[in-house]
Amino acid sequence: MKVLILDKVNGIAEKIIKESGGEAVVMPSQSEDDLCKIINNYDGVIVRNSTKITKKVLENATNLKIIARAGIGVDNIDVEAATLKRIWVVNSPNGNTEATAEHTIAMMLACARNIPQSCECINSGNYERSKFIGVELYGKKLGIIGFGKIGKRVAEIAKVLGMKILVYDPFADVKTIQVNGYEKIDNLESLLPVCDFVTVHVPKNKDTIDLINEGNIYKIKKGARLINCARGGIINEKALKEALNKGHIAGAALDVFVDEPEIQKSELYKCSKNLIIVPHLGASTQEAQIKVADDVSHQVADVLSGKSPKTPVNRIS
């Protein structure tokens, strides 16, 4: 078996493929056209989130049996096209939960206390404490949109910090929410006006793109702060820019964008002093990268030896 490893996946993936008797080929991220030229040489491919496995790529992948995403989201993979070609798509739903949840809390704290802005100020030679009056998290209402593994872990940490947790997720079990002392909110329109902080933890799909948009962003409580460590486009970037510039949203912290990595194309590029933006660091810890690489590379080895994957995203009949 021959496996292509892209996007700077942790080196443990190469080690596991080789130990399982396969050949591992490590390359940097590939464009669609370049990937089309080489994909036919491989039985499996492992990616993070930079390389896109499109329908066009899959049309050239006559030998491919599995696509593994070293992380949770698979929006950079055409799962439908892969399924039609009977190619497994797998992910690692648990490997970066802690890293992303901690990152969300870090972004929330940085937003609440103006940490990047004040750091920039002092590095420029100014000492202006009065410009950076923040707010405390204790006692504030945190609205969590999406109550999967990461949303649940964010809630656990935020509860320890003394925040009041409100959850909007149509698919979440109300008993699971209430047993932890959280409040389940039945619809987004009821959540937005009452929260001091709102964080999104949903996958990116047709139902969640522009979930927070020009039509509902002003329903958010004036002075609230928004956090997005999920996927770019769940919060509409143009709407957020306008709400920040008008002062309706007091601050926002985003780890993700629509046009990654070309941040200059974003509406949010240099748009506001009350915006914190970082380059998709949610899963960027040493521990998380080892865990997801270990997980998916074992699944690749299993599939290529005739076994079933542990965490498939699709079904192969």
C-alpha atoms as a PDB file:
ATOM      1  CA  MET A   1       0.000   0.000   0.000  1.00  0.00           C
ATOM      2  CA  LYS A   2       1.150   3.516  -0.782  1.00  0.00           C
ATOM      3  CA  VAL A   3      -0.060   6.472   1.289  1.00  0.00           C
ATOM      4  CA  LEU A   4       0.301  10.179   0.548  1.00  0.00           C
ATOM      5  CA  ILE A   5       0.678  12.386   3.630  1.00  0.00           C
ATOM      6  CA  LEU A   6       0.065  16.132   3.145  1.00  0.00           C
ATOM      7  CA  ASP A   7      -0.371  19.393   5.082  1.00  0.00           C
ATOM      8  CA  LYS A   8       2.400  18.844   7.646  1.00  0.00           C
ATOM      9  CA  VAL A   9       0.609  16.009   9.438  1.00  0.00           C
ATOM     10  CA  ASN A  10       2.639  14.950  12.484  1.00  0.00           C
ATOM     11  CA  GLY A  11       5.505  12.567  11.698  1.00  0.00           C
ATOM     12  CA  ILE A  12       3.970   9.754  13.721  1.00  0.00           C
ATOM     13  CA  ALA A  13       1.657   9.123  10.743  1.00  0.00           C
ATOM     14  CA  GLU A  14       4.588   8.280   8.483  1.00  0.00           C
ATOM     15  CA  LYS A  15       6.016   6.010  11.174  1.00  0.00           C
ATOM     16  CA  ILE A  16       2.749   4.094  11.628  1.00  0.00           C
ATOM     17  CA  ILE A  17       2.228   3.597   7.883  1.00  0.00           C
ATOM     18  CA  LYS A  18       5.763   2.252   7.519  1.00  0.00           C
ATOM     19  CA  GLU A  19       5.406  -0.023  10.561  1.00  0.00           C
ATOM     20  CA  SER A  20       2.234  -1.470   9.053  1.00  0.00           C
ATOM     21  CA  GLY A  21       4.154  -2.458   5.931  1.00  0.00           C
ATOM     22  CA  GLY A  22       3.162   0.448   3.727  1.00  0.00           C
ATOM     23  CA  GLU A  23       5.057   3.106   1.830  1.00  0.00           C
ATOM     24  CA  ALA A  24       4.557   6.659   3.090  1.00  0.00           C
ATOM     25  CA  VAL A  25       5.204   9.645   0.831  1.00  0.00           C
ATOM     26  CA  VAL A  26       5.289  13.001   2.616  1.00  0.00           C
ATOM     27  CA  MET A  27       4.660  16.182   0.647  1.00  0.00           C
ATOM     28  CA  PRO A  28       3.634  19.766   1.427  1.00  0.00           C
ATOM     29  CA  SER A  29       0.081  20.909   0.687  1.00  0.00           C
ATOM     30  CA  GLN A  30      -0.916  20.395  -2.951  1.00  0.00           C
ATOM     31  CA  SER A  31      -3.073  22.389  -5.338  1.00  0.00           C
ATOM     32  CA  GLU A  32      -6.004  20.715  -7.051  1.00  0.00           C
ATOM     33  CA  ASP A  33      -4.201  20.479 -10.401  1.00  0.00           C
ATOM     34  CA  ASP A  34      -1.007  19.086  -8.898  1.00  0.00           C
ATOM     35  CA  LEU A  35      -2.936  16.567  -6.847  1.00  0.00           C
ATOM     36  CA  CYS A  36      -4.825  15.389  -9.933  1.00  0.00           C
ATOM     37  CA  LYS A  37      -1.500  14.496 -11.557  1.00  0.00           C
ATOM     38  CA  ILE A  38      -0.304  12.255  -8.723  1.00  0.00           C
ATOM     39  CA  ILE A  39      -3.338  10.952  -6.820  1.00  0.00           C
ATOM     40  CA  ASN A  40      -3.664   7.849  -8.994  1.00  0.00           C
ATOM     41  CA  ASN A  41      -0.395   6.573  -7.523  1.00  0.00           C
ATOM     42  CA  TYR A  42      -1.832   6.204  -4.017  1.00  0.00           C
ATOM     43  CA  ASP A  43      -4.080   3.838  -2.100  1.00  0.00           C
ATOM     44  CA  GLY A  44      -4.627   6.280   0.744  1.00  0.00           C
ATOM     45  CA  VAL A  45      -4.194   9.965   1.524  1.00  0.00           C
ATOM     46  CA  ILE A  46      -3.927  11.794   4.847  1.00  0.00           C
ATOM     47  CA  VAL A  47      -4.622  15.553   5.029  1.00  0.00           C
ATOM     48  CA  ARG A  48      -5.253  18.275   7.554  1.00  0.00           C
ATOM     49  CA  ASN A  49      -7.255  21.255   6.277  1.00  0.00           C
ATOM     50  CA  SER A  50      -5.116  22.936   3.610  1.00  0.00           C
ATOM     51  CA  THR A  51      -5.316  20.454   0.729  1.00  0.00           C
ATOM     52  CA  LYS A  52      -8.769  20.078  -0.794  1.00  0.00           C
ATOM     53  CA  ILE A  53      -9.860  16.654  -2.019  1.00  0.00           C
ATOM     54  CA  THR A  54     -12.355  17.768  -4.660  1.00  0.00           C
ATOM     55  CA  LYS A  55     -14.553  15.918  -7.101  1.00  0.00           C
ATOM     56  CA  LYS A  56     -12.012  16.691  -9.823  1.00  0.00           C
ATOM     57  CA  VAL A  57      -9.225  15.112  -7.765  1.00  0.00           C
ATOM     58  CA  LEU A  58     -11.343  12.051  -7.063  1.00  0.00           C
ATOM     59  CA  GLU A  59     -12.085  11.577 -10.755  1.00  0.00           C
ATOM     60  CA  ASN A  60      -8.355  10.896 -11.156  1.00  0.00           C
ATOM     61  CA  ALA A  61      -8.117   8.609  -8.119  1.00  0.00           C
ATOM     62  CA  THR A  62      -8.777   5.155  -9.519  1.00  0.00           C
ATOM     63  CA  ASN A  63      -6.700   3.376  -6.850  1.00  0.00           C
ATOM     64  CA  LEU A  64      -7.687   5.410  -3.795  1.00  0.00           C
ATOM     65  CA  LYS A  65      -9.449   3.501  -1.034  1.00  0.00           C
ATOM     66  CA  ILE A  66      -9.376   5.915   1.909  1.00  0.00           C
ATOM     67  CA  ILE A  67      -9.094   9.644   2.641  1.00  0.00           C
ATOM     68  CA  ALA A  68      -8.179  10.477   6.224  1.00  0.00           C
ATOM     69  CA  ARG A  69      -8.656  13.913   7.765  1.00  0.00           C
ATOM     70  CA  ALA A  70      -6.312  14.493  10.707  1.00  0.00           C
ATOM     71  CA  GLY A  71      -8.917  16.456  12.638  1.00  0.00           C
ATOM     72  CA  ILE A  72     -12.687  16.746  12.858  1.00  0.00           C
ATOM     73  CA  GLY A  73     -14.108  18.823  10.013  1.00  0.00           C
ATOM     74  CA  VAL A  74     -14.196  17.322   6.526  1.00  0.00           C
ATOM     75  CA  ASP A  75     -15.394  20.366   4.573  1.00  0.00           C
ATOM     76  CA  ASN A  76     -12.182  20.226   2.500  1.00  0.00           C
ATOM     77  CA  ILE A  77     -13.172  16.769   1.244  1.00  0.00           C
ATOM     78  CA  ASP A  78     -15.969  16.041  -1.245  1.00  0.00           C
ATOM     79  CA  VAL A  79     -17.486  13.255   0.828  1.00  0.00           C
ATOM     80  CA  GLU A  80     -20.349  12.634  -1.605  1.00  0.00           C
ATOM     81  CA  ALA A  81     -18.007  12.161  -4.557  1.00  0.00           C
ATOM     82  CA  ALA A  82     -15.782   9.882  -2.466  1.00  0.00           C
ATOM     83  CA  THR A  83     -18.757   7.770  -1.419  1.00  0.00           C
ATOM     84  CA  LEU A  84     -19.892   7.338  -5.026  1.00  0.00           C
ATOM     85  CA  LYS A  85     -16.424   5.985  -5.779  1.00  0.00           C
ATOM     86  CA  ARG A  86     -16.566   3.708  -2.729  1.00  0.00           C
ATOM     87  CA  ILE A  87     -13.712   5.526  -1.024  1.00  0.00           C
ATOM     88  CA  TRP A  88     -13.783   5.685   2.761  1.00  0.00           C
ATOM     89  CA  VAL A  89     -13.565   9.101   4.403  1.00  0.00           C
ATOM     90  CA  VAL A  90     -12.467   9.064   8.045  1.00  0.00           C
ATOM     91  CA  ASN A  91     -11.675  11.697  10.629  1.00  0.00           C
ATOM     92  CA  SER A  92     -10.437  11.967  14.201  1.00  0.00           C
ATOM     93  CA  PRO A  93     -13.404  13.301  16.192  1.00  0.00           C
ATOM     94  CA  ASN A  94     -11.707  13.205  19.594  1.00  0.00           C
ATOM     95  CA  GLY A  95      -8.068  14.062  19.008  1.00  0.00           C
ATOM     96  CA  ASN A  96      -8.288  17.850  19.062  1.00  0.00           C
ATOM     97  CA  THR A  97     -11.265  18.344  21.402  1.00  0.00           C
ATOM     98  CA  GLU A  98      -9.212  19.568  24.353  1.00  0.00           C
ATOM     99  CA  ALA A  99      -6.968  21.771  22.229  1.00  0.00           C
ATOM    100  CA  THR A 100      -9.873  23.505  20.479  1.00  0.00           C
ATOM    101  CA  ALA A 101     -11.889  23.930  23.664  1.00  0.00           C
ATOM    102  CA  GLU A 102      -8.933  25.483  25.496  1.00  0.00           C
ATOM    103  CA  HIS A 103      -8.251  27.707  22.486  1.00  0.00           C
ATOM    104  CA  THR A 104     -11.859  28.895  22.536  1.00  0.00           C
ATOM    105  CA  ILE A 105     -11.557  29.875  26.194  1.00  0.00           C
ATOM    106  CA  ALA A 106      -8.221  31.578  25.498  1.00  0.00           C
ATOM    107  CA  MET A 107      -9.788  33.584  22.674  1.00  0.00           C
ATOM    108  CA  MET A 108     -12.695  34.523  24.902  1.00  0.00           C
ATOM    109  CA  LEU A 109     -10.369  35.762  27.657  1.00  0.00           C
ATOM    110  CA  ALA A 110      -8.173  37.625  25.175  1.00  0.00           C
ATOM    111  CA  CYS A 111     -11.253  39.309  23.725  1.00  0.00           C
ATOM    112  CA  ALA A 112     -12.655  40.200  27.144  1.00  0.00           C
ATOM    113  CA  ARG A 113      -9.387  41.719  28.363  1.00  0.00           C
ATOM    114  CA  ASN A 114      -8.033  43.238  25.110  1.00  0.00           C
ATOM    115  CA  ILE A 115      -4.804  41.277  25.481  1.00  0.00           C
ATOM    116  CA  PRO A 116      -3.473  41.407  21.881  1.00  0.00           C
ATOM    117  CA  GLN A 117      -4.333  45.098  21.507  1.00  0.00           C
ATOM    118  CA  SER A 118      -2.689  46.087  24.783  1.00  0.00           C
ATOM    119  CA  CYS A 119       0.382  43.987  23.947  1.00  0.00           C
ATOM    120  CA  GLU A 120       0.681  45.760  20.600  1.00  0.00           C
ATOM    121  CA  CYS A 121       0.295  49.109  22.356  1.00  0.00           C
ATOM    122  CA  ILE A 122       3.046  48.506  24.881  1.00  0.00           C
ATOM    123  CA  ASN A 123       5.384  47.088  22.227  1.00  0.00           C
ATOM    124  CA  SER A 124       4.962  50.335  20.313  1.00  0.00           C
ATOM    125  CA  GLY A 125       6.336  52.209  23.336  1.00  0.00           C
ATOM    126  CA  ASN A 126       3.050  53.378  24.859  1.00  0.00           C
ATOM    127  CA  TYR A 127       1.750  52.613  28.342  1.00  0.00           C
ATOM    128  CA  GLU A 128      -1.979  53.351  28.177  1.00  0.00           C
ATOM    129  CA  ARG A 129      -3.867  51.315  30.772  1.00  0.00           C
ATOM    130  CA  SER A 130      -7.055  53.370  30.566  1.00  0.00           C
ATOM    131  CA  LYS A 131      -7.620  52.423  26.912  1.00  0.00           C
ATOM    132  CA  PHE A 132      -8.005  48.728  27.713  1.00  0.00           C
ATOM    133  CA  ILE A 133     -10.737  48.366  30.290  1.00  0.00           C
ATOM    134  CA  GLY A 134     -12.153  44.887  29.847  1.00  0.00           C
ATOM    135  CA  VAL A 135     -14.912  42.739  31.316  1.00  0.00           C
ATOM    136  CA  GLU A 136     -14.898  39.675  33.550  1.00  0.00           C
ATOM    137  CA  LEU A 137     -16.203  36.285  32.484  1.00  0.00           C
ATOM    138  CA  TYR A 138     -17.517  35.487  35.955  1.00  0.00           C
ATOM    139  CA  GLY A 139     -21.308  35.717  36.085  1.00  0.00           C
ATOM    140  CA  LYS A 140     -21.648  36.353  32.357  1.00  0.00           C
ATOM    141  CA  LYS A 141     -23.972  34.361  30.106  1.00  0.00           C
ATOM    142  CA  LEU A 142     -22.220  32.244  27.505  1.00  0.00           C
ATOM    143  CA  GLY A 143     -24.257  31.090  24.537  1.00  0.00           C
ATOM    144  CA  ILE A 144     -22.884  27.892  23.008  1.00  0.00           C
ATOM    145  CA  ILE A 145     -24.154  27.094  19.526  1.00  0.00           C
ATOM    146  CA  GLY A 146     -23.504  23.407  18.906  1.00  0.00           C
ATOM    147  CA  PHE A 147     -23.192  20.949  21.783  1.00  0.00           C
ATOM    148  CA  GLY A 148     -20.919  18.271  20.390  1.00  0.00           C
ATOM    149  CA  LYS A 149     -17.657  17.177  21.972  1.00  0.00           C
ATOM    150  CA  ILE A 150     -15.988  20.587  21.744  1.00  0.00           C
ATOM    151  CA  GLY A 151     -19.091  22.541  22.773  1.00  0.00           C
ATOM    152  CA  LYS A 152     -19.495  20.313  25.832  1.00  0.00           C
ATOM    153  CA  ARG A 153     -15.862  20.754  26.853  1.00  0.00           C
ATOM    154  CA  VAL A 154     -16.073  24.537  26.430  1.00  0.00           C
ATOM    155  CA  ALA A 155     -19.132  24.496  28.694  1.00  0.00           C
ATOM    156  CA  GLU A 156     -17.277  22.509  31.358  1.00  0.00           C
ATOM    157  CA  ILE A 157     -14.368  24.947  31.454  1.00  0.00           C
ATOM    158  CA  ALA A 158     -16.587  28.035  31.303  1.00  0.00           C
ATOM    159  CA  LYS A 159     -18.702  26.733  34.166  1.00  0.00           C
ATOM    160  CA  VAL A 160     -15.596  26.494  36.349  1.00  0.00           C
ATOM    161  CA  LEU A 161     -14.931  30.151  35.520  1.00  0.00           C
ATOM    162  CA  GLY A 162     -18.367  31.021  36.885  1.00  0.00           C
ATOM    163  CA  MET A 163     -20.178  31.582  33.623  1.00  0.00           C
ATOM    164  CA  LYS A 164     -23.848  30.761  33.091  1.00  0.00           C
ATOM    165  CA  ILE A 165     -24.189  28.348  30.174  1.00  0.00           C
ATOM    166  CA  LEU A 166     -26.965  28.558  27.591  1.00  0.00           C
ATOM    167  CA  VAL A 167     -27.032  25.962  24.805  1.00  0.00           C
ATOM    168  CA  TYR A 168     -28.641  26.037  21.390  1.00  0.00           C
ATOM    169  CA  ASP A 169     -28.469  22.724  19.536  1.00  0.00           C
ATOM    170  CA  PRO A 170     -31.615  21.178  18.023  1.00  0.00           C
ATOM    171  CA  PHE A 171     -30.011  17.731  18.165  1.00  0.00           C
ATOM    172  CA  ALA A 172     -28.761  17.814  21.764  1.00  0.00           C
ATOM    173  CA  ASP A 173     -30.498  15.880  24.503  1.00  0.00           C
ATOM    174  CA  VAL A 174     -32.170  18.249  26.962  1.00  0.00           C
ATOM    175  CA  LYS A 175     -31.443  15.981  29.940  1.00  0.00           C
ATOM    176  CA  THR A 176     -27.727  15.956  29.138  1.00  0.00           C
ATOM    177  CA  ILE A 177     -27.767  19.742  29.127  1.00  0.00           C
ATOM    178  CA  GLN A 178     -29.852  20.254  32.242  1.00  0.00           C
ATOM    179  CA  VAL A 179     -28.072  17.658  34.384  1.00  0.00           C
ATOM    180  CA  ASN A 180     -24.958  19.823  34.185  1.00  0.00           C
ATOM    181  CA  GLY A 181     -26.831  22.931  35.253  1.00  0.00           C
ATOM    182  CA  TYR A 182     -26.990  24.468  31.801  1.00  0.00           C
ATOM    183  CA  GLU A 183     -30.058  25.907  30.074  1.00  0.00           C
ATOM    184  CA  LYS A 184     -31.287  24.623  26.722  1.00  0.00           C
ATOM    185  CA  ILE A 185     -32.579  27.324  24.387  1.00  0.00           C
ATOM    186  CA  ASP A 186     -35.027  26.189  21.718  1.00  0.00           C
ATOM    187  CA  ASN A 187     -34.060  28.567  18.924  1.00  0.00           C
ATOM    188  CA  LEU A 188     -31.247  30.873  17.877  1.00  0.00           C
ATOM    189  CA  GLU A 189     -33.445  33.975  17.996  1.00  0.00           C
ATOM    190  CA  SER A 190     -34.046  33.410  21.701  1.00  0.00           C
ATOM    191  CA  LEU A 191     -30.365  32.800  22.475  1.00  0.00           C
ATOM    192  CA  LEU A 192     -28.758  35.793  20.809  1.00  0.00           C
ATOM    193  CA  PRO A 193     -30.399  38.674  22.763  1.00  0.00           C
ATOM    194  CA  VAL A 194     -29.545  37.345  26.227  1.00  0.00           C
ATOM    195  CA  CYS A 195     -25.882  36.304  25.968  1.00  0.00           C
ATOM    196  CA  ASP A 196     -22.785  38.308  26.838  1.00  0.00           C
ATOM    197  CA  PHE A 197     -20.584  35.925  24.852  1.00  0.00           C
ATOM    198  CA  VAL A 198     -21.539  33.676  21.933  1.00  0.00           C
ATOM    199  CA  THR A 199     -19.340  30.865  20.629  1.00  0.00           C
ATOM    200  CA  VAL A 200     -20.053  28.570  17.684  1.00  0.00           C
ATOM    201  CA  HIS A 201     -19.149  24.873  17.569  1.00  0.00           C
ATOM    202  CA  VAL A 202     -21.039  23.449  14.604  1.00  0.00           C
ATOM    203  CA  PRO A 203     -19.786  21.785  11.409  1.00  0.00           C
ATOM    204  CA  LYS A 204     -19.814  23.821   8.233  1.00  0.00           C
ATOM    205  CA  ASN A 205     -22.607  22.736   5.898  1.00  0.00           C
ATOM    206  CA  LYS A 206     -25.532  24.201   3.972  1.00  0.00           C
ATOM    207  CA  ASP A 207     -27.501  24.664   7.190  1.00  0.00           C
ATOM    208  CA  THR A 208     -24.778  26.478   9.139  1.00  0.00           C
ATOM    209  CA  ILE A 209     -23.165  28.761   6.543  1.00  0.00           C
ATOM    210  CA  ASP A 210     -24.041  32.353   7.542  1.00  0.00           C
ATOM    211  CA  LEU A 211     -25.774  31.070  10.665  1.00  0.00           C
ATOM    212  CA  ILE A 212     -25.063  34.464  12.176  1.00  0.00           C
ATOM    213  CA  ASN A 213     -25.763  36.933   9.401  1.00  0.00           C
ATOM    214  CA  GLU A 214     -26.945  40.415   8.453  1.00  0.00           C
ATOM    215  CA  GLY A 215     -30.485  39.447   9.398  1.00  0.00           C
ATOM    216  CA  ASN A 216     -29.819  38.384  12.977  1.00  0.00           C
ATOM    217  CA  ILE A 217     -26.505  39.858  14.111  1.00  0.00           C
ATOM    218  CA  TYR A 218     -28.260  42.942  15.511  1.00  0.00           C
ATOM    219  CA  LYS A 219     -30.500  40.679  17.558  1.00  0.00           C
ATOM    220  CA  ILE A 220     -27.388  39.857  19.559  1.00  0.00           C
ATOM    221  CA  LYS A 221     -27.225  41.744  22.831  1.00  0.00           C
ATOM    222  CA  LYS A 222     -25.489  45.099  22.294  1.00  0.00           C
ATOM    223  CA  GLY A 223     -21.994  44.918  23.738  1.00  0.00           C
ATOM    224  CA  ALA A 224     -21.719  41.135  23.411  1.00  0.00           C
ATOM    225  CA  ARG A 225     -18.617  39.364  22.114  1.00  0.00           C
ATOM    226  CA  LEU A 226     -18.438  36.628  19.447  1.00  0.00           C
ATOM    227  CA  ILE A 227     -16.023  33.711  19.220  1.00  0.00           C
ATOM    228  CA  ASN A 228     -15.544  31.393  16.219  1.00  0.00           C
ATOM    229  CA  CYS A 229     -13.054  28.535  16.482  1.00  0.00           C
ATOM    230  CA  ALA A 230     -15.154  26.224  14.304  1.00  0.00           C
ATOM    231  CA  ARG A 231     -15.186  27.051  10.582  1.00  0.00           C
ATOM    232  CA  GLY A 232     -15.009  30.221   8.524  1.00  0.00           C
ATOM    233  CA  GLY A 233     -18.343  31.414   7.162  1.00  0.00           C
ATOM    234  CA  ILE A 234     -20.547  30.304  10.052  1.00  0.00           C
ATOM    235  CA  ILE A 235     -20.463  33.949  11.121  1.00  0.00           C
ATOM    236  CA  ASN A 236     -20.945  36.118   8.031  1.00  0.00           C
ATOM    237  CA  GLU A 237     -17.782  38.197   7.750  1.00  0.00           C
ATOM    238  CA  LYS A 238     -19.357  41.264   6.148  1.00  0.00           C
ATOM    239  CA  ALA A 239     -22.106  41.377   8.766  1.00  0.00           C
ATOM    240  CA  LEU A 240     -19.579  41.034  11.592  1.00  0.00           C
ATOM    241  CA  LYS A 241     -17.413  43.807  10.162  1.00  0.00           C
ATOM    242  CA  GLU A 242     -20.355  46.213  10.060  1.00  0.00           C
ATOM    243  CA  ALA A 243     -21.551  45.272  13.557  1.00  0.00           C
ATOM    244  CA  LEU A 244     -18.042  45.774  14.971  1.00  0.00           C
ATOM    245  CA  ASN A 245     -17.576  49.135  13.242  1.00  0.00           C
ATOM    246  CA  LYS A 246     -20.961  50.333  14.459  1.00  0.00           C
ATOM    247  CA  GLY A 247     -20.082  49.312  18.013  1.00  0.00           C
ATOM    248  CA  HIS A 248     -22.987  46.899  18.351  1.00  0.00           C
ATOM    249  CA  ILE A 249     -20.623  43.981  18.854  1.00  0.00           C
ATOM    250  CA  ALA A 250     -18.062  44.945  21.498  1.00  0.00           C
ATOM    251  CA  GLY A 251     -15.456  42.494  20.261  1.00  0.00           C
ATOM    252  CA  ALA A 252     -14.865  39.290  18.364  1.00  0.00           C
ATOM    253  CA  ALA A 253     -12.180  36.627  18.247  1.00  0.00           C
ATOM    254  CA  LEU A 254     -11.897  34.437  15.153  1.00  0.00           C
ATOM    255  CA  ASP A 255      -9.625  31.502  14.464  1.00  0.00           C
ATOM    256  CA  VAL A 256     -11.140  30.720  11.065  1.00  0.00           C
ATOM    257  CA  PHE A 257     -12.068  32.489   7.818  1.00  0.00           C
ATOM    258  CA  VAL A 258     -13.847  31.854   4.544  1.00  0.00           C
ATOM    259  CA  ASP A 259     -10.768  32.206   2.348  1.00  0.00           C
ATOM    260  CA  GLU A 260      -8.060  30.426   4.289  1.00  0.00           C
ATOM    261  CA  PRO A 261      -5.166  31.040   4.089  1.00  0.00           C
ATOM    262  CA  GLU A 262      -5.689  34.182   1.980  1.00  0.00           C
ATOM    263  CA  ILE A 263      -6.750  36.442   4.838  1.00  0.00           C
ATOM    264  CA  GLN A 264      -6.276  39.573   2.703  1.00  0.00           C
ATOM    265  CA  LYS A 265      -9.463  38.576   0.829  1.00  0.00           C
ATOM    266  CA  SER A 266     -11.517  38.627   4.010  1.00  0.00           C
ATOM    267  CA  GLU A 267     -13.879  41.440   4.930  1.00  0.00           C
ATOM    268  CA  LEU A 268     -12.325  41.226   8.380  1.00  0.00           C
ATOM    269  CA  TYR A 269      -8.754  41.974   7.333  1.00  0.00           C
ATOM    270  CA  LYS A 270      -7.666  45.051   9.310  1.00  0.00           C
ATOM    271  CA  CYS A 271     -11.321  45.969   9.804  1.00  0.00           C
ATOM    272  CA  SER A 272     -11.473  46.774  13.523  1.00  0.00           C
ATOM    273  CA  LYS A 273      -9.324  47.252  16.611  1.00  0.00           C
ATOM    274  CA  ASN A 274     -11.881  45.194  18.520  1.00  0.00           C
ATOM    275  CA  LEU A 275     -11.237  42.082  16.454  1.00  0.00           C
ATOM    276  CA  ILE A 276      -8.745  39.340  17.288  1.00  0.00           C
ATOM    277  CA  ILE A 277      -7.797  37.123  14.354  1.00  0.00           C
ATOM    278  CA  VAL A 278      -5.357  34.203  14.385  1.00  0.00           C
ATOM    279  CA  PRO A 279      -4.434  31.640  11.688  1.00  0.00           C
ATOM    280  CA  HIS A 280      -6.580  28.586  12.504  1.00  0.00           C
ATOM    281  CA  LEU A 281      -4.730  27.512  15.645  1.00  0.00           C
ATOM    282  CA  GLY A 282      -7.555  25.584  17.308  1.00  0.00           C
ATOM    283  CA  ALA A 283      -5.897  22.188  16.975  1.00  0.00           C
ATOM    284  CA  SER A 284      -2.333  23.485  16.913  1.00  0.00           C
ATOM    285  CA  THR A 285      -0.923  21.883  20.016  1.00  0.00           C
ATOM    286  CA  GLN A 286       1.781  19.247  20.103  1.00  0.00           C
ATOM    287  CA  GLU A 287      -0.557  16.863  21.900  1.00  0.00           C
ATOM    288  CA  ALA A 288      -3.496  17.276  19.513  1.00  0.00           C
ATOM    289  CA  GLN A 289      -1.413  16.856  16.380  1.00  0.00           C
ATOM    290  CA  ILE A 290       0.084  13.623  17.678  1.00  0.00           C
ATOM    291  CA  LYS A 291      -3.329  12.271  18.680  1.00  0.00           C
ATOM    292  CA  VAL A 292      -5.081  12.988  15.373  1.00  0.00           C
ATOM    293  CA  ALA A 293      -2.165  11.737  13.258  1.00  0.00           C
ATOM    294  CA  ASP A 294      -1.938   8.543  15.300  1.00  0.00           C
ATOM    295  CA  ASP A 295      -5.692   7.986  15.063  1.00  0.00           C
ATOM    296  CA  VAL A 296      -6.163   8.428  11.317  1.00  0.00           C
ATOM    297  CA  SER A 297      -2.967   6.684  10.235  1.00  0.00           C
ATOM    298  CA  HIS A 298      -4.026   3.563  12.117  1.00  0.00           C
ATOM    299  CA  GLN A 299      -7.386   3.748  10.364  1.00  0.00           C
ATOM    300  CA  VAL A 300      -5.658   4.038   6.982  1.00  0.00           C
ATOM    301  CA  ALA A 301      -3.529   0.988   7.780  1.00  0.00           C
ATOM    302  CA  ASP A 302      -6.629  -0.928   8.867  1.00  0.00           C
ATOM    303  CA  VAL A 303      -8.617  -0.142   5.716  1.00  0.00           C
ATOM    304  CA  LEU A 304      -5.726  -0.971   3.414  1.00  0.00           C
ATOM    305  CA  SER A 305      -5.343  -4.324   5.162  1.00  0.00           C
ATOM    306  CA  GLY A 306      -9.019  -5.139   4.641  1.00  0.00           C
ATOM    307  CA  LYS A 307     -10.478  -4.008   7.960  1.00  0.00           C
ATOM    308  CA  SER A 308     -13.189  -1.424   8.628  1.00  0.00           C
ATOM    309  CA  PRO A 309     -12.317   2.105   9.829  1.00  0.00           C
ATOM    310  CA  LYS A 310     -13.024   3.142  13.415  1.00  0.00           C
ATOM    311  CA  THR A 311     -14.601   6.548  12.756  1.00  0.00           C
ATOM    312  CA  PRO A 312     -15.930   6.687   9.185  1.00  0.00           C
ATOM    313  CA  VAL A 313     -17.652   9.838   7.982  1.00  0.00           C
ATOM    314  CA  ASN A 314     -19.416   8.024   5.135  1.00  0.00           C
ATOM    315  CA  ARG A 315     -20.866   4.613   4.458  1.00  0.00           C
ATOM    316  CA  ILE A 316     -19.569   2.252   1.815  1.00  0.00           C
ATOM    317  CA  SER A 317     -22.167  -0.343   0.793  1.00  0.00           C
END
